[in-house]
Amino acid sequence: MTKEQIISQTNAFLIDTLDFDSAMITPDTELRRDLGITSVDAVAIASFVQKTFGCAIIIPEIKALITLQDLYDYIEKNS
């Protein structure tokens, strides 16, 4: 899967499923500070990453990710 596909699918999930404003979705967006990711959101993201990209991500790993770019890079590296 290409980096562009990872970004596109991840952004679509964040906008369509978690209902984040599309204007807020940029590589530099901080997950907790800008989006206010909760533990429930983190579980949903982990499930999405597992189902869509086939890589397991655990909650402590999500907490270590600061920006959306970090999430994209994690998925690319581990899928």
C-alpha atoms as a PDB file:
ATOM      1  CA  MET A   1       0.000   0.000   0.000  1.00  0.00           C
ATOM      2  CA  THR A   2       1.331   3.435  -0.871  1.00  0.00           C
ATOM      3  CA  LYS A   3       1.811   6.294   1.588  1.00  0.00           C
ATOM      4  CA  GLU A   4      -0.910   8.220  -0.261  1.00  0.00           C
ATOM      5  CA  GLN A   5      -3.380   5.360   0.236  1.00  0.00           C
ATOM      6  CA  ILE A   6      -2.527   5.184   3.934  1.00  0.00           C
ATOM      7  CA  ILE A   7      -3.108   8.910   4.319  1.00  0.00           C
ATOM      8  CA  SER A   8      -6.308   8.872   2.292  1.00  0.00           C
ATOM      9  CA  GLN A   9      -7.871   5.920   4.113  1.00  0.00           C
ATOM     10  CA  THR A  10      -6.816   7.152   7.546  1.00  0.00           C
ATOM     11  CA  ASN A  11      -8.126  10.652   6.907  1.00  0.00           C
ATOM     12  CA  ALA A  12     -11.424   9.272   5.592  1.00  0.00           C
ATOM     13  CA  PHE A  13     -11.798   7.193   8.762  1.00  0.00           C
ATOM     14  CA  LEU A  14     -11.095  10.169  11.016  1.00  0.00           C
ATOM     15  CA  ILE A  15     -13.568  12.369   9.138  1.00  0.00           C
ATOM     16  CA  ASP A  16     -16.331   9.881   8.339  1.00  0.00           C
ATOM     17  CA  THR A  17     -16.257   7.580  11.358  1.00  0.00           C
ATOM     18  CA  LEU A  18     -14.887   9.699  14.196  1.00  0.00           C
ATOM     19  CA  ASP A  19     -16.524  12.858  12.823  1.00  0.00           C
ATOM     20  CA  PHE A  20     -13.500  15.141  12.948  1.00  0.00           C
ATOM     21  CA  ASP A  21     -13.600  18.333  10.891  1.00  0.00           C
ATOM     22  CA  SER A  22     -11.788  17.799   7.580  1.00  0.00           C
ATOM     23  CA  ALA A  23     -10.112  21.210   7.937  1.00  0.00           C
ATOM     24  CA  MET A  24      -8.359  19.892  11.042  1.00  0.00           C
ATOM     25  CA  ILE A  25      -6.872  16.859   9.282  1.00  0.00           C
ATOM     26  CA  THR A  26      -3.299  17.715   8.264  1.00  0.00           C
ATOM     27  CA  PRO A  27      -0.025  15.853   8.820  1.00  0.00           C
ATOM     28  CA  ASP A  28       0.948  18.352  11.539  1.00  0.00           C
ATOM     29  CA  THR A  29      -2.320  18.010  13.466  1.00  0.00           C
ATOM     30  CA  GLU A  30      -1.686  16.788  16.999  1.00  0.00           C
ATOM     31  CA  LEU A  31      -3.899  13.889  17.971  1.00  0.00           C
ATOM     32  CA  ARG A  32      -4.560  14.895  21.558  1.00  0.00           C
ATOM     33  CA  ARG A  33      -4.083  18.666  21.551  1.00  0.00           C
ATOM     34  CA  ASP A  34      -5.803  19.518  18.255  1.00  0.00           C
ATOM     35  CA  LEU A  35      -8.267  16.636  17.809  1.00  0.00           C
ATOM     36  CA  GLY A  36      -8.830  15.805  21.453  1.00  0.00           C
ATOM     37  CA  ILE A  37      -8.437  12.064  20.871  1.00  0.00           C
ATOM     38  CA  THR A  38      -9.995  10.176  23.797  1.00  0.00           C
ATOM     39  CA  SER A  39      -9.322   6.634  24.948  1.00  0.00           C
ATOM     40  CA  VAL A  40     -12.481   5.556  23.087  1.00  0.00           C
ATOM     41  CA  ASP A  41     -11.125   7.211  19.919  1.00  0.00           C
ATOM     42  CA  ALA A  42      -7.770   5.467  20.460  1.00  0.00           C
ATOM     43  CA  VAL A  43      -9.495   2.068  20.607  1.00  0.00           C
ATOM     44  CA  ALA A  44     -11.417   2.892  17.410  1.00  0.00           C
ATOM     45  CA  ILE A  45      -8.191   3.961  15.679  1.00  0.00           C
ATOM     46  CA  ALA A  46      -6.411   0.773  16.807  1.00  0.00           C
ATOM     47  CA  SER A  47      -9.276  -1.337  15.461  1.00  0.00           C
ATOM     48  CA  PHE A  48      -9.292   0.567  12.163  1.00  0.00           C
ATOM     49  CA  VAL A  49      -5.521   0.165  11.737  1.00  0.00           C
ATOM     50  CA  GLN A  50      -5.744  -3.574  12.460  1.00  0.00           C
ATOM     51  CA  LYS A  51      -8.652  -4.203  10.063  1.00  0.00           C
ATOM     52  CA  THR A  52      -7.527  -1.908   7.276  1.00  0.00           C
ATOM     53  CA  PHE A  53      -3.759  -2.279   7.269  1.00  0.00           C
ATOM     54  CA  GLY A  54      -3.228  -5.578   9.071  1.00  0.00           C
ATOM     55  CA  CYS A  55      -0.910  -4.212  11.705  1.00  0.00           C
ATOM     56  CA  ALA A  56      -1.646  -4.405  15.377  1.00  0.00           C
ATOM     57  CA  ILE A  57      -1.298  -1.209  17.353  1.00  0.00           C
ATOM     58  CA  ILE A  58      -1.775  -1.096  21.083  1.00  0.00           C
ATOM     59  CA  ILE A  59      -3.028   1.858  23.069  1.00  0.00           C
ATOM     60  CA  PRO A  60       0.377   2.756  24.614  1.00  0.00           C
ATOM     61  CA  GLU A  61       1.772   2.979  21.073  1.00  0.00           C
ATOM     62  CA  ILE A  62      -1.051   5.315  20.043  1.00  0.00           C
ATOM     63  CA  LYS A  63      -0.350   7.478  23.079  1.00  0.00           C
ATOM     64  CA  ALA A  64       3.257   7.792  21.938  1.00  0.00           C
ATOM     65  CA  LEU A  65       2.158   9.184  18.574  1.00  0.00           C
ATOM     66  CA  ILE A  66       1.950  12.973  18.605  1.00  0.00           C
ATOM     67  CA  THR A  67       0.830  14.016  15.117  1.00  0.00           C
ATOM     68  CA  LEU A  68      -1.143  12.484  12.292  1.00  0.00           C
ATOM     69  CA  GLN A  69       2.156  12.203  10.419  1.00  0.00           C
ATOM     70  CA  ASP A  70       3.407   9.980  13.241  1.00  0.00           C
ATOM     71  CA  LEU A  71       0.331   7.775  12.779  1.00  0.00           C
ATOM     72  CA  TYR A  72       0.822   7.595   8.997  1.00  0.00           C
ATOM     73  CA  ASP A  73       4.492   6.695   9.477  1.00  0.00           C
ATOM     74  CA  TYR A  74       3.654   4.027  12.064  1.00  0.00           C
ATOM     75  CA  ILE A  75       1.165   2.393   9.707  1.00  0.00           C
ATOM     76  CA  GLU A  76       3.578   2.527   6.768  1.00  0.00           C
ATOM     77  CA  LYS A  77       6.399   1.015   8.824  1.00  0.00           C
ATOM     78  CA  ASN A  78       4.304  -1.774  10.373  1.00  0.00           C
ATOM     79  CA  SER A  79       2.000  -2.869   7.559  1.00  0.00           C
END
